[in-house]
N, C-alpha and C. Protein backbone atom coordinates (compact mmCIF):
# COMPACT_ATOMS: atom_id res chain seq x y z
N ASN A 1 -66.34 -173.64 140.50
CA ASN A 1 -65.89 -172.61 141.42
C ASN A 1 -67.09 -171.72 141.75
N PHE A 2 -67.75 -171.99 142.86
CA PHE A 2 -68.97 -171.25 143.18
C PHE A 2 -68.66 -169.82 143.62
N LYS A 3 -67.50 -169.64 144.22
CA LYS A 3 -67.13 -168.28 144.64
C LYS A 3 -66.99 -167.36 143.45
N ASP A 4 -66.33 -167.85 142.38
CA ASP A 4 -66.11 -167.04 141.18
C ASP A 4 -67.19 -167.24 140.12
N LYS A 5 -68.24 -168.02 140.48
CA LYS A 5 -69.37 -168.22 139.56
C LYS A 5 -68.94 -168.83 138.24
N TYR A 6 -68.20 -169.94 138.31
CA TYR A 6 -67.68 -170.56 137.09
C TYR A 6 -67.63 -172.07 137.28
N ALA A 7 -68.11 -172.83 136.26
CA ALA A 7 -68.08 -174.29 136.33
C ALA A 7 -67.61 -174.86 135.02
N VAL A 8 -66.74 -175.88 135.07
CA VAL A 8 -66.27 -176.60 133.89
C VAL A 8 -66.50 -178.09 134.12
N LEU A 9 -67.22 -178.72 133.19
CA LEU A 9 -67.40 -180.16 133.20
C LEU A 9 -66.66 -180.73 132.00
N LYS A 10 -65.75 -181.65 132.24
CA LYS A 10 -64.88 -182.15 131.17
C LYS A 10 -65.58 -183.13 130.24
N ASP A 11 -66.28 -184.10 130.81
CA ASP A 11 -66.83 -185.17 129.96
C ASP A 11 -68.04 -185.79 130.65
N ILE A 12 -69.16 -185.82 129.94
CA ILE A 12 -70.37 -186.47 130.42
C ILE A 12 -70.78 -187.50 129.37
N THR A 13 -71.07 -188.72 129.81
CA THR A 13 -71.50 -189.76 128.90
C THR A 13 -72.89 -190.23 129.29
N CYS A 14 -73.79 -190.23 128.31
CA CYS A 14 -75.17 -190.69 128.53
C CYS A 14 -75.44 -191.87 127.61
N SER A 15 -75.64 -193.06 128.19
CA SER A 15 -75.92 -194.25 127.40
C SER A 15 -77.20 -194.88 127.92
N ASN A 16 -78.17 -195.07 127.01
CA ASN A 16 -79.49 -195.58 127.40
C ASN A 16 -80.09 -194.75 128.54
N THR A 17 -79.94 -193.45 128.41
CA THR A 17 -80.39 -192.51 129.44
C THR A 17 -81.73 -191.90 129.05
N ARG A 18 -82.58 -191.60 130.04
CA ARG A 18 -83.86 -190.93 129.81
C ARG A 18 -83.82 -189.57 130.49
N ILE A 19 -84.05 -188.52 129.70
CA ILE A 19 -84.07 -187.15 130.20
C ILE A 19 -85.46 -186.58 129.92
N LYS A 20 -86.17 -186.22 130.99
CA LYS A 20 -87.57 -185.78 130.83
C LYS A 20 -87.75 -184.41 131.50
N LEU A 21 -88.04 -183.40 130.68
CA LEU A 21 -88.36 -182.07 131.17
C LEU A 21 -89.86 -181.85 131.01
N GLN A 22 -90.49 -181.29 132.04
CA GLN A 22 -91.94 -181.10 131.99
C GLN A 22 -92.34 -179.78 132.63
N GLN A 23 -93.38 -179.20 132.09
CA GLN A 23 -94.06 -178.08 132.72
C GLN A 23 -95.48 -178.56 132.98
N TYR A 24 -95.82 -178.71 134.25
CA TYR A 24 -97.08 -179.35 134.61
C TYR A 24 -98.27 -178.44 134.34
N LYS A 25 -99.41 -179.06 134.09
CA LYS A 25 -100.63 -178.31 133.80
C LYS A 25 -100.98 -177.40 134.99
N GLY A 26 -101.26 -176.15 134.68
CA GLY A 26 -101.58 -175.18 135.72
C GLY A 26 -100.38 -174.51 136.34
N SER A 27 -99.18 -174.88 135.87
CA SER A 27 -97.95 -174.31 136.42
C SER A 27 -97.17 -173.62 135.32
N ASP A 28 -96.41 -172.58 135.69
CA ASP A 28 -95.53 -171.92 134.72
C ASP A 28 -94.07 -172.26 134.99
N GLN A 29 -93.85 -173.32 135.80
CA GLN A 29 -92.50 -173.71 136.17
C GLN A 29 -92.17 -175.11 135.66
N MET A 30 -90.86 -175.33 135.43
CA MET A 30 -90.38 -176.63 134.97
C MET A 30 -90.18 -177.57 136.15
N ASN A 31 -90.10 -178.87 135.86
CA ASN A 31 -89.83 -179.84 136.92
C ASN A 31 -88.39 -179.76 137.43
N ILE A 32 -87.53 -179.00 136.75
CA ILE A 32 -86.18 -178.77 137.25
C ILE A 32 -86.03 -177.31 137.70
N GLN A 33 -87.14 -176.70 138.11
CA GLN A 33 -87.12 -175.28 138.44
C GLN A 33 -86.15 -174.97 139.58
N PHE A 34 -85.98 -175.90 140.52
CA PHE A 34 -85.07 -175.67 141.64
C PHE A 34 -83.64 -175.47 141.15
N LEU A 35 -83.26 -176.17 140.07
CA LEU A 35 -81.93 -175.97 139.49
C LEU A 35 -81.84 -174.63 138.76
N LEU A 36 -82.88 -174.33 137.98
CA LEU A 36 -82.89 -173.06 137.25
C LEU A 36 -82.86 -171.89 138.22
N ASP A 37 -83.58 -172.00 139.33
CA ASP A 37 -83.59 -170.92 140.32
C ASP A 37 -82.22 -170.76 140.98
N TYR A 38 -81.56 -171.89 141.22
CA TYR A 38 -80.24 -171.81 141.86
C TYR A 38 -79.26 -171.02 141.02
N PHE A 39 -79.22 -171.31 139.71
CA PHE A 39 -78.26 -170.63 138.84
C PHE A 39 -78.72 -169.23 138.44
N ASP A 40 -79.91 -168.86 138.86
CA ASP A 40 -80.42 -167.53 138.57
C ASP A 40 -80.30 -166.60 139.77
N GLN A 41 -79.59 -167.04 140.80
CA GLN A 41 -79.49 -166.28 142.03
C GLN A 41 -78.49 -165.13 142.03
N PRO A 42 -77.41 -165.14 141.20
CA PRO A 42 -76.40 -164.08 141.33
C PRO A 42 -77.00 -162.69 141.21
N LYS A 43 -76.30 -161.73 141.83
CA LYS A 43 -76.70 -160.33 141.71
C LYS A 43 -76.54 -159.87 140.27
N SER A 44 -77.09 -158.70 139.97
CA SER A 44 -77.12 -158.21 138.60
C SER A 44 -75.74 -158.06 137.99
N ASP A 45 -74.71 -157.83 138.84
CA ASP A 45 -73.36 -157.66 138.31
C ASP A 45 -72.56 -158.96 138.33
N GLU A 46 -73.25 -160.09 138.62
CA GLU A 46 -72.58 -161.37 138.65
C GLU A 46 -73.30 -162.34 137.71
N VAL A 47 -72.53 -163.13 136.99
CA VAL A 47 -73.10 -164.12 136.07
C VAL A 47 -72.42 -165.45 136.31
N PHE A 48 -73.22 -166.51 136.45
CA PHE A 48 -72.65 -167.85 136.61
C PHE A 48 -72.42 -168.44 135.23
N THR A 49 -71.18 -168.74 134.91
CA THR A 49 -70.79 -169.27 133.61
C THR A 49 -70.59 -170.77 133.69
N VAL A 50 -71.18 -171.51 132.75
CA VAL A 50 -71.03 -172.96 132.69
C VAL A 50 -70.39 -173.34 131.36
N LYS A 51 -69.37 -174.17 131.40
CA LYS A 51 -68.76 -174.72 130.20
C LYS A 51 -68.73 -176.23 130.32
N ILE A 52 -69.25 -176.92 129.30
CA ILE A 52 -69.19 -178.37 129.25
C ILE A 52 -68.38 -178.75 128.01
N GLU A 53 -67.26 -179.41 128.21
CA GLU A 53 -66.37 -179.68 127.09
C GLU A 53 -66.88 -180.80 126.18
N LYS A 54 -67.53 -181.81 126.77
CA LYS A 54 -68.05 -182.89 125.91
C LYS A 54 -69.20 -183.62 126.60
N VAL A 55 -70.28 -183.82 125.83
CA VAL A 55 -71.36 -184.72 126.24
C VAL A 55 -71.50 -185.76 125.14
N GLY A 56 -71.30 -187.02 125.48
CA GLY A 56 -71.47 -188.11 124.53
C GLY A 56 -72.81 -188.79 124.74
N LEU A 57 -73.62 -188.86 123.67
CA LEU A 57 -74.95 -189.45 123.75
C LEU A 57 -75.00 -190.75 122.96
N ASP A 58 -75.61 -191.78 123.56
CA ASP A 58 -75.75 -193.07 122.89
C ASP A 58 -77.11 -193.65 123.25
N HIS A 59 -78.02 -193.73 122.28
CA HIS A 59 -79.36 -194.28 122.49
C HIS A 59 -80.04 -193.61 123.68
N THR A 60 -80.02 -192.30 123.67
CA THR A 60 -80.62 -191.50 124.73
C THR A 60 -82.04 -191.09 124.35
N TYR A 61 -82.92 -191.03 125.34
CA TYR A 61 -84.29 -190.54 125.15
C TYR A 61 -84.40 -189.18 125.81
N PHE A 62 -84.90 -188.19 125.06
CA PHE A 62 -85.10 -186.85 125.60
C PHE A 62 -86.51 -186.39 125.29
N SER A 63 -87.17 -185.82 126.29
CA SER A 63 -88.50 -185.27 126.04
C SER A 63 -88.69 -183.95 126.78
N TYR A 64 -89.49 -183.09 126.17
CA TYR A 64 -89.94 -181.86 126.82
C TYR A 64 -91.44 -181.73 126.56
N HIS A 65 -92.21 -181.57 127.63
CA HIS A 65 -93.66 -181.42 127.49
C HIS A 65 -94.13 -180.23 128.32
N ASN A 66 -94.88 -179.36 127.67
CA ASN A 66 -95.59 -178.29 128.37
C ASN A 66 -97.07 -178.69 128.37
N TRP A 67 -97.54 -179.20 129.50
CA TRP A 67 -98.88 -179.76 129.55
C TRP A 67 -99.96 -178.68 129.62
N ASN A 68 -99.55 -177.42 129.57
CA ASN A 68 -100.51 -176.32 129.44
C ASN A 68 -100.91 -176.09 127.98
N LYS A 69 -100.23 -176.75 127.06
CA LYS A 69 -100.47 -176.58 125.63
C LYS A 69 -100.96 -177.88 125.02
N ALA A 70 -101.97 -177.79 124.17
CA ALA A 70 -102.46 -178.98 123.47
C ALA A 70 -101.47 -179.41 122.40
N ARG A 71 -101.45 -180.69 122.09
CA ARG A 71 -100.60 -181.19 121.02
C ARG A 71 -101.13 -180.73 119.67
N ILE A 72 -100.23 -180.53 118.71
CA ILE A 72 -100.66 -180.20 117.36
C ILE A 72 -100.82 -181.49 116.57
N ALA A 73 -101.60 -181.44 115.50
CA ALA A 73 -101.95 -182.65 114.76
C ALA A 73 -100.80 -183.16 113.90
N TYR A 74 -99.98 -182.25 113.37
CA TYR A 74 -98.92 -182.66 112.45
C TYR A 74 -97.72 -181.76 112.63
N GLY A 75 -96.53 -182.35 112.48
CA GLY A 75 -95.30 -181.57 112.52
C GLY A 75 -94.64 -181.57 113.88
N ILE A 76 -93.48 -180.94 113.93
CA ILE A 76 -92.74 -180.84 115.19
C ILE A 76 -93.45 -179.86 116.10
N ASP A 77 -93.79 -180.34 117.28
CA ASP A 77 -94.53 -179.55 118.27
C ASP A 77 -93.53 -179.07 119.32
N TYR A 78 -93.22 -177.77 119.33
CA TYR A 78 -92.20 -177.24 120.23
C TYR A 78 -92.61 -177.29 121.69
N ASN A 79 -93.89 -177.58 121.96
CA ASN A 79 -94.35 -177.76 123.33
C ASN A 79 -94.40 -179.23 123.74
N HIS A 80 -94.18 -180.13 122.78
CA HIS A 80 -94.21 -181.57 123.06
C HIS A 80 -93.17 -182.25 122.16
N ILE A 81 -91.95 -182.25 122.61
CA ILE A 81 -90.83 -182.81 121.82
C ILE A 81 -90.39 -184.13 122.44
N GLU A 82 -90.22 -185.14 121.60
CA GLU A 82 -89.67 -186.41 122.06
C GLU A 82 -88.62 -186.88 121.05
N LEU A 83 -87.40 -187.06 121.51
CA LEU A 83 -86.30 -187.54 120.68
C LEU A 83 -85.91 -188.94 121.15
N ARG A 84 -85.97 -189.90 120.23
CA ARG A 84 -85.60 -191.27 120.54
C ARG A 84 -84.32 -191.63 119.79
N ASP A 85 -83.56 -192.60 120.34
CA ASP A 85 -82.28 -193.03 119.75
C ASP A 85 -81.40 -191.81 119.48
N PHE A 86 -81.37 -190.90 120.41
CA PHE A 86 -80.59 -189.66 120.32
C PHE A 86 -79.12 -190.01 120.57
N LYS A 87 -78.25 -189.71 119.58
CA LYS A 87 -76.84 -190.03 119.73
C LYS A 87 -75.98 -188.97 119.06
N GLY A 88 -74.71 -188.95 119.43
CA GLY A 88 -73.77 -187.98 118.88
C GLY A 88 -72.97 -187.31 119.98
N ASP A 89 -72.14 -186.36 119.59
CA ASP A 89 -71.29 -185.64 120.54
C ASP A 89 -71.68 -184.17 120.58
N ILE A 90 -71.83 -183.65 121.79
CA ILE A 90 -72.09 -182.24 122.03
C ILE A 90 -70.83 -181.66 122.66
N LEU A 91 -70.18 -180.74 121.96
CA LEU A 91 -68.84 -180.30 122.35
C LEU A 91 -68.83 -178.81 122.68
N GLU A 92 -68.00 -178.45 123.65
CA GLU A 92 -67.72 -177.04 123.99
C GLU A 92 -68.99 -176.23 124.24
N PHE A 93 -69.87 -176.79 125.08
CA PHE A 93 -71.09 -176.05 125.43
C PHE A 93 -70.76 -174.91 126.37
N ARG A 94 -71.26 -173.73 126.04
CA ARG A 94 -71.07 -172.54 126.89
C ARG A 94 -72.41 -171.83 127.05
N ASN A 95 -72.62 -171.27 128.24
CA ASN A 95 -73.83 -170.51 128.51
C ASN A 95 -73.46 -169.28 129.34
N ARG A 96 -73.72 -168.09 128.79
CA ARG A 96 -73.40 -166.86 129.50
C ARG A 96 -74.26 -165.71 128.96
N ASP A 97 -74.79 -164.92 129.87
CA ASP A 97 -75.58 -163.74 129.49
C ASP A 97 -76.69 -164.09 128.51
N LYS A 98 -77.40 -165.20 128.75
CA LYS A 98 -78.53 -165.65 127.93
C LYS A 98 -78.12 -166.04 126.51
N ILE A 99 -76.83 -166.30 126.31
CA ILE A 99 -76.33 -166.79 125.02
C ILE A 99 -75.74 -168.17 125.23
N SER A 100 -76.22 -169.14 124.48
CA SER A 100 -75.71 -170.51 124.56
C SER A 100 -75.09 -170.88 123.22
N SER A 101 -73.95 -171.57 123.27
CA SER A 101 -73.30 -172.02 122.04
C SER A 101 -72.78 -173.44 122.24
N VAL A 102 -72.72 -174.19 121.13
CA VAL A 102 -72.30 -175.58 121.22
C VAL A 102 -71.87 -176.06 119.83
N ASP A 103 -70.94 -177.00 119.80
CA ASP A 103 -70.58 -177.70 118.57
C ASP A 103 -71.26 -179.07 118.59
N LEU A 104 -71.92 -179.42 117.49
CA LEU A 104 -72.60 -180.70 117.37
C LEU A 104 -71.88 -181.56 116.33
N LYS A 105 -71.66 -182.83 116.66
CA LYS A 105 -70.94 -183.73 115.76
C LYS A 105 -71.63 -185.09 115.73
N ASP A 106 -71.93 -185.56 114.52
CA ASP A 106 -72.52 -186.89 114.32
C ASP A 106 -73.81 -187.07 115.12
N VAL A 107 -74.63 -186.02 115.18
CA VAL A 107 -75.88 -186.08 115.94
C VAL A 107 -76.98 -186.72 115.08
N ALA A 108 -77.74 -187.62 115.69
CA ALA A 108 -78.85 -188.28 114.99
C ALA A 108 -79.95 -188.58 116.00
N PHE A 109 -81.20 -188.59 115.53
CA PHE A 109 -82.33 -188.94 116.39
C PHE A 109 -83.58 -189.16 115.56
N ASN A 110 -84.59 -189.77 116.19
CA ASN A 110 -85.93 -189.89 115.63
C ASN A 110 -86.87 -189.05 116.49
N GLU A 111 -87.58 -188.10 115.87
CA GLU A 111 -88.51 -187.25 116.62
C GLU A 111 -89.91 -187.83 116.51
N SER A 112 -90.73 -187.65 117.55
CA SER A 112 -92.04 -188.29 117.60
C SER A 112 -92.97 -187.85 116.47
N SER A 113 -92.71 -186.72 115.84
CA SER A 113 -93.53 -186.26 114.71
C SER A 113 -93.34 -187.13 113.47
N GLY A 114 -92.24 -187.89 113.43
CA GLY A 114 -91.89 -188.67 112.25
C GLY A 114 -90.62 -188.18 111.57
N PHE A 115 -90.14 -186.99 111.97
CA PHE A 115 -88.92 -186.45 111.40
C PHE A 115 -87.71 -187.24 111.91
N THR A 116 -86.84 -187.66 110.98
CA THR A 116 -85.66 -188.43 111.33
C THR A 116 -84.40 -187.70 110.87
N LEU A 117 -83.50 -187.47 111.80
CA LEU A 117 -82.20 -186.86 111.50
C LEU A 117 -81.15 -187.95 111.50
N LYS A 118 -80.46 -188.11 110.36
CA LYS A 118 -79.46 -189.16 110.24
C LYS A 118 -78.06 -188.69 110.65
N ASP A 119 -77.75 -187.40 110.36
CA ASP A 119 -76.42 -186.90 110.70
C ASP A 119 -76.45 -185.38 110.71
N LEU A 120 -75.86 -184.79 111.74
CA LEU A 120 -75.80 -183.33 111.85
C LEU A 120 -74.45 -182.93 112.42
N ASP A 121 -73.78 -182.01 111.71
CA ASP A 121 -72.55 -181.39 112.20
C ASP A 121 -72.70 -179.88 112.04
N CYS A 122 -72.42 -179.11 113.10
CA CYS A 122 -72.50 -177.66 112.99
C CYS A 122 -72.02 -176.99 114.28
N HIS A 123 -71.85 -175.67 114.20
CA HIS A 123 -71.68 -174.82 115.38
C HIS A 123 -73.00 -174.09 115.58
N PHE A 124 -73.56 -174.20 116.78
CA PHE A 124 -74.92 -173.72 117.04
C PHE A 124 -74.90 -172.65 118.13
N VAL A 125 -75.56 -171.52 117.85
CA VAL A 125 -75.64 -170.43 118.82
C VAL A 125 -77.11 -170.06 119.02
N LEU A 126 -77.53 -169.94 120.28
CA LEU A 126 -78.91 -169.57 120.60
C LEU A 126 -78.91 -168.38 121.54
N ASN A 127 -79.69 -167.36 121.18
CA ASN A 127 -79.93 -166.25 122.11
C ASN A 127 -81.42 -165.91 122.05
N PRO A 128 -81.91 -165.01 122.88
CA PRO A 128 -83.36 -164.76 122.93
C PRO A 128 -83.97 -164.26 121.61
N LYS A 129 -83.14 -163.81 120.66
CA LYS A 129 -83.65 -163.24 119.42
C LYS A 129 -83.23 -164.00 118.16
N LYS A 130 -82.36 -164.98 118.29
CA LYS A 130 -81.79 -165.57 117.08
C LYS A 130 -81.26 -166.97 117.35
N ILE A 131 -81.40 -167.84 116.34
CA ILE A 131 -80.66 -169.10 116.26
C ILE A 131 -79.69 -168.95 115.09
N LYS A 132 -78.40 -169.16 115.34
CA LYS A 132 -77.39 -169.05 114.28
C LYS A 132 -76.66 -170.38 114.16
N ILE A 133 -76.54 -170.87 112.91
CA ILE A 133 -75.90 -172.15 112.65
C ILE A 133 -74.79 -171.94 111.64
N GLU A 134 -73.58 -172.35 112.00
CA GLU A 134 -72.42 -172.19 111.13
C GLU A 134 -71.86 -173.56 110.76
N GLY A 135 -71.34 -173.66 109.52
CA GLY A 135 -70.73 -174.91 109.06
C GLY A 135 -71.68 -176.08 109.10
N LEU A 136 -72.92 -175.87 108.67
CA LEU A 136 -73.95 -176.89 108.77
C LEU A 136 -73.81 -177.96 107.69
N HIS A 137 -73.84 -179.21 108.11
CA HIS A 137 -73.99 -180.36 107.21
C HIS A 137 -75.04 -181.25 107.83
N LEU A 138 -76.19 -181.34 107.16
CA LEU A 138 -77.35 -182.05 107.71
C LEU A 138 -77.84 -183.08 106.72
N LYS A 139 -78.12 -184.29 107.22
CA LYS A 139 -78.65 -185.36 106.38
C LYS A 139 -79.86 -186.00 107.04
N THR A 140 -80.91 -186.20 106.24
CA THR A 140 -82.07 -186.98 106.66
C THR A 140 -82.23 -188.12 105.66
N ASP A 141 -83.34 -188.86 105.77
CA ASP A 141 -83.60 -189.92 104.79
C ASP A 141 -83.82 -189.35 103.40
N ARG A 142 -84.22 -188.06 103.31
CA ARG A 142 -84.62 -187.49 102.04
C ARG A 142 -83.78 -186.28 101.61
N SER A 143 -83.07 -185.65 102.53
CA SER A 143 -82.42 -184.37 102.25
C SER A 143 -80.95 -184.38 102.66
N GLU A 144 -80.20 -183.50 102.00
CA GLU A 144 -78.84 -183.20 102.43
C GLU A 144 -78.63 -181.70 102.24
N ILE A 145 -78.30 -181.00 103.33
CA ILE A 145 -78.18 -179.54 103.31
C ILE A 145 -76.80 -179.14 103.82
N ILE A 146 -76.14 -178.26 103.06
CA ILE A 146 -74.81 -177.77 103.42
C ILE A 146 -74.83 -176.26 103.36
N THR A 147 -74.41 -175.60 104.42
CA THR A 147 -74.36 -174.14 104.43
C THR A 147 -73.09 -173.65 105.09
N ASN A 148 -72.63 -172.46 104.66
CA ASN A 148 -71.56 -171.78 105.40
C ASN A 148 -72.11 -171.23 106.71
N GLY A 149 -73.30 -170.67 106.63
CA GLY A 149 -73.93 -170.11 107.81
C GLY A 149 -75.36 -169.70 107.50
N ILE A 150 -76.24 -169.89 108.48
CA ILE A 150 -77.64 -169.51 108.31
C ILE A 150 -78.19 -169.07 109.67
N ALA A 151 -79.03 -168.05 109.67
CA ALA A 151 -79.59 -167.51 110.91
C ALA A 151 -81.10 -167.46 110.83
N PHE A 152 -81.74 -167.72 111.96
CA PHE A 152 -83.20 -167.64 112.10
C PHE A 152 -83.49 -166.57 113.15
N ASN A 153 -84.06 -165.46 112.70
CA ASN A 153 -84.29 -164.31 113.56
C ASN A 153 -85.76 -164.22 113.96
N TYR A 154 -86.01 -163.88 115.22
CA TYR A 154 -87.38 -163.81 115.73
C TYR A 154 -87.45 -162.80 116.88
N HIS A 155 -88.67 -162.37 117.21
CA HIS A 155 -88.86 -161.43 118.32
C HIS A 155 -88.75 -162.14 119.66
N ASP A 156 -89.34 -163.34 119.75
CA ASP A 156 -89.23 -164.17 120.95
C ASP A 156 -89.47 -165.62 120.53
N MET A 157 -89.27 -166.56 121.47
CA MET A 157 -89.34 -167.97 121.14
C MET A 157 -90.72 -168.41 120.66
N ASP A 158 -91.76 -167.69 121.06
CA ASP A 158 -93.12 -168.03 120.60
C ASP A 158 -93.25 -167.92 119.08
N ASP A 159 -92.41 -167.10 118.45
CA ASP A 159 -92.45 -166.96 116.99
C ASP A 159 -92.16 -168.28 116.28
N LEU A 160 -91.45 -169.19 116.95
CA LEU A 160 -91.14 -170.48 116.32
C LEU A 160 -92.40 -171.30 116.06
N ASN A 161 -93.46 -171.01 116.80
CA ASN A 161 -94.73 -171.70 116.56
C ASN A 161 -95.46 -171.16 115.33
N ASP A 162 -94.99 -170.04 114.81
CA ASP A 162 -95.51 -169.48 113.55
C ASP A 162 -94.32 -169.30 112.60
N PHE A 163 -93.59 -170.39 112.41
CA PHE A 163 -92.32 -170.36 111.70
C PHE A 163 -92.45 -169.76 110.31
N VAL A 164 -93.53 -170.07 109.61
CA VAL A 164 -93.71 -169.64 108.22
C VAL A 164 -93.76 -168.12 108.11
N ASN A 165 -94.44 -167.47 109.04
CA ASN A 165 -94.69 -166.04 108.93
C ASN A 165 -93.77 -165.18 109.80
N ALA A 166 -93.30 -165.73 110.91
CA ALA A 166 -92.67 -164.89 111.93
C ALA A 166 -91.15 -164.99 112.00
N VAL A 167 -90.55 -166.02 111.42
CA VAL A 167 -89.10 -166.21 111.53
C VAL A 167 -88.42 -165.76 110.24
N PHE A 168 -87.50 -164.80 110.38
CA PHE A 168 -86.78 -164.26 109.22
C PHE A 168 -85.47 -165.04 109.07
N ILE A 169 -85.27 -165.61 107.88
CA ILE A 169 -84.11 -166.45 107.60
C ILE A 169 -83.13 -165.69 106.73
N GLU A 170 -81.84 -165.80 107.06
CA GLU A 170 -80.80 -165.23 106.20
C GLU A 170 -79.57 -166.13 106.24
N GLY A 171 -78.96 -166.32 105.05
CA GLY A 171 -77.78 -167.16 104.99
C GLY A 171 -77.44 -167.57 103.57
N THR A 172 -76.43 -168.41 103.46
CA THR A 172 -75.96 -168.91 102.17
C THR A 172 -76.00 -170.44 102.19
N VAL A 173 -76.65 -171.02 101.19
CA VAL A 173 -76.77 -172.48 101.08
C VAL A 173 -75.91 -172.96 99.92
N LYS A 174 -75.03 -173.93 100.19
CA LYS A 174 -74.27 -174.56 99.11
C LYS A 174 -75.17 -175.56 98.39
N GLU A 175 -74.64 -176.24 97.37
CA GLU A 175 -75.45 -177.18 96.60
C GLU A 175 -76.05 -178.23 97.53
N SER A 176 -77.37 -178.22 97.63
CA SER A 176 -78.09 -179.08 98.56
C SER A 176 -79.32 -179.67 97.89
N ASN A 177 -79.81 -180.75 98.46
CA ASN A 177 -81.05 -181.37 98.02
C ASN A 177 -82.01 -181.34 99.20
N ILE A 178 -83.15 -180.66 99.03
CA ILE A 178 -84.07 -180.42 100.13
C ILE A 178 -85.42 -181.04 99.81
N SER A 179 -85.88 -181.92 100.68
CA SER A 179 -87.20 -182.54 100.52
C SER A 179 -88.26 -181.64 101.14
N ILE A 180 -89.32 -181.37 100.38
CA ILE A 180 -90.44 -180.59 100.92
C ILE A 180 -91.10 -181.36 102.07
N LYS A 181 -91.06 -182.68 102.02
CA LYS A 181 -91.61 -183.49 103.11
C LYS A 181 -90.88 -183.19 104.41
N ASP A 182 -89.58 -183.08 104.37
CA ASP A 182 -88.82 -182.74 105.58
C ASP A 182 -89.18 -181.35 106.08
N ILE A 183 -89.31 -180.40 105.15
CA ILE A 183 -89.67 -179.04 105.55
C ILE A 183 -91.06 -179.01 106.18
N SER A 184 -91.94 -179.92 105.74
CA SER A 184 -93.32 -179.90 106.23
C SER A 184 -93.41 -180.19 107.72
N TYR A 185 -92.41 -180.86 108.29
CA TYR A 185 -92.44 -181.09 109.74
C TYR A 185 -92.31 -179.78 110.51
N PHE A 186 -91.71 -178.78 109.88
CA PHE A 186 -91.56 -177.46 110.48
C PHE A 186 -92.62 -176.49 109.95
N VAL A 187 -93.14 -176.78 108.74
CA VAL A 187 -94.16 -175.95 108.10
C VAL A 187 -95.31 -176.88 107.69
N PRO A 188 -96.23 -177.18 108.62
CA PRO A 188 -97.25 -178.21 108.38
C PRO A 188 -98.12 -177.98 107.15
N SER A 189 -98.26 -176.75 106.69
CA SER A 189 -99.09 -176.49 105.50
C SER A 189 -98.52 -177.15 104.24
N LEU A 190 -97.27 -177.60 104.29
CA LEU A 190 -96.65 -178.26 103.14
C LEU A 190 -96.72 -179.78 103.21
N LYS A 191 -97.50 -180.32 104.14
CA LYS A 191 -97.42 -181.76 104.43
C LYS A 191 -97.82 -182.65 103.25
N ASP A 192 -98.60 -182.16 102.30
CA ASP A 192 -99.04 -183.01 101.19
C ASP A 192 -98.12 -182.93 99.97
N MET A 193 -97.02 -182.19 100.09
CA MET A 193 -96.08 -182.06 98.98
C MET A 193 -94.93 -183.05 99.15
N GLU A 194 -94.65 -183.83 98.11
CA GLU A 194 -93.63 -184.87 98.18
C GLU A 194 -92.41 -184.54 97.33
N ARG A 195 -92.31 -183.31 96.83
CA ARG A 195 -91.22 -182.95 95.93
C ARG A 195 -89.89 -182.80 96.66
N ALA A 196 -88.82 -182.91 95.86
CA ALA A 196 -87.48 -182.58 96.35
C ALA A 196 -86.91 -181.49 95.44
N VAL A 197 -86.10 -180.62 96.01
CA VAL A 197 -85.58 -179.47 95.28
C VAL A 197 -84.05 -179.44 95.40
N ASP A 198 -83.37 -179.32 94.27
CA ASP A 198 -81.93 -179.04 94.29
C ASP A 198 -81.77 -177.53 94.41
N PHE A 199 -80.95 -177.11 95.36
CA PHE A 199 -80.95 -175.69 95.70
C PHE A 199 -79.58 -175.21 96.14
N SER A 200 -79.22 -173.98 95.72
CA SER A 200 -78.05 -173.30 96.26
C SER A 200 -78.27 -171.81 96.10
N GLY A 201 -77.62 -171.02 96.94
CA GLY A 201 -77.74 -169.57 96.81
C GLY A 201 -77.92 -168.88 98.14
N GLU A 202 -78.24 -167.59 98.07
CA GLU A 202 -78.47 -166.80 99.27
C GLU A 202 -79.95 -166.79 99.61
N VAL A 203 -80.23 -166.85 100.91
CA VAL A 203 -81.60 -166.92 101.39
C VAL A 203 -81.87 -165.71 102.29
N ASN A 204 -82.99 -165.01 102.02
CA ASN A 204 -83.40 -163.89 102.88
C ASN A 204 -84.91 -163.85 102.93
N GLY A 205 -85.48 -163.71 104.12
CA GLY A 205 -86.91 -163.53 104.25
C GLY A 205 -87.56 -164.60 105.10
N THR A 206 -88.87 -164.48 105.28
CA THR A 206 -89.64 -165.52 105.94
C THR A 206 -90.03 -166.57 104.89
N ILE A 207 -90.46 -167.74 105.36
CA ILE A 207 -90.84 -168.80 104.43
C ILE A 207 -91.95 -168.35 103.48
N ASN A 208 -92.89 -167.54 103.98
CA ASN A 208 -93.99 -167.11 103.13
C ASN A 208 -93.62 -165.95 102.23
N ASN A 209 -92.39 -165.45 102.33
CA ASN A 209 -91.92 -164.37 101.46
C ASN A 209 -90.41 -164.50 101.28
N LEU A 210 -90.01 -165.66 100.76
CA LEU A 210 -88.58 -166.02 100.71
C LEU A 210 -87.96 -165.51 99.42
């Protein structure tokens, strides 16, 4: 409903699909900028609301590249992300007032850094200052993490590139087994550690002062 600034998509299925987002070298705009500009047109007192009830993914390829940024040598590079064999269900996606929320079920993928996600279920909320995850159950080849809720707080998205020092974590972790190798994809300074840790309890602080 363009008049009332509201859209509902019931069901989207992506099978063997390739989704490629890019920011070209020398540009500060995305290759889908025309779409972003269209939905950014409402006046200050109007907001275009989008709700997607279900997106089903099966062997999907997703990439995001900002060619203004060099690749990093190790770990997940937030400027150069590639997800292969991406599958699972994305449910009840909503986006309003710079807040996005979604339910993830049976999500799995292989990331180009080497990080492999075998199964993910959670409620996920993203806003300009925080990532909040509720009801998390995450499994990799080496780890299994269960939480009631956990939040990652930051000043802006650039802080994610300095995850160890700049992102403040708070939440409660149930009995979980966490591989330091898996953490190293997000905290490259830990890449030579092969230990696994059994862990439960409350978490507060940045990684370097947890």
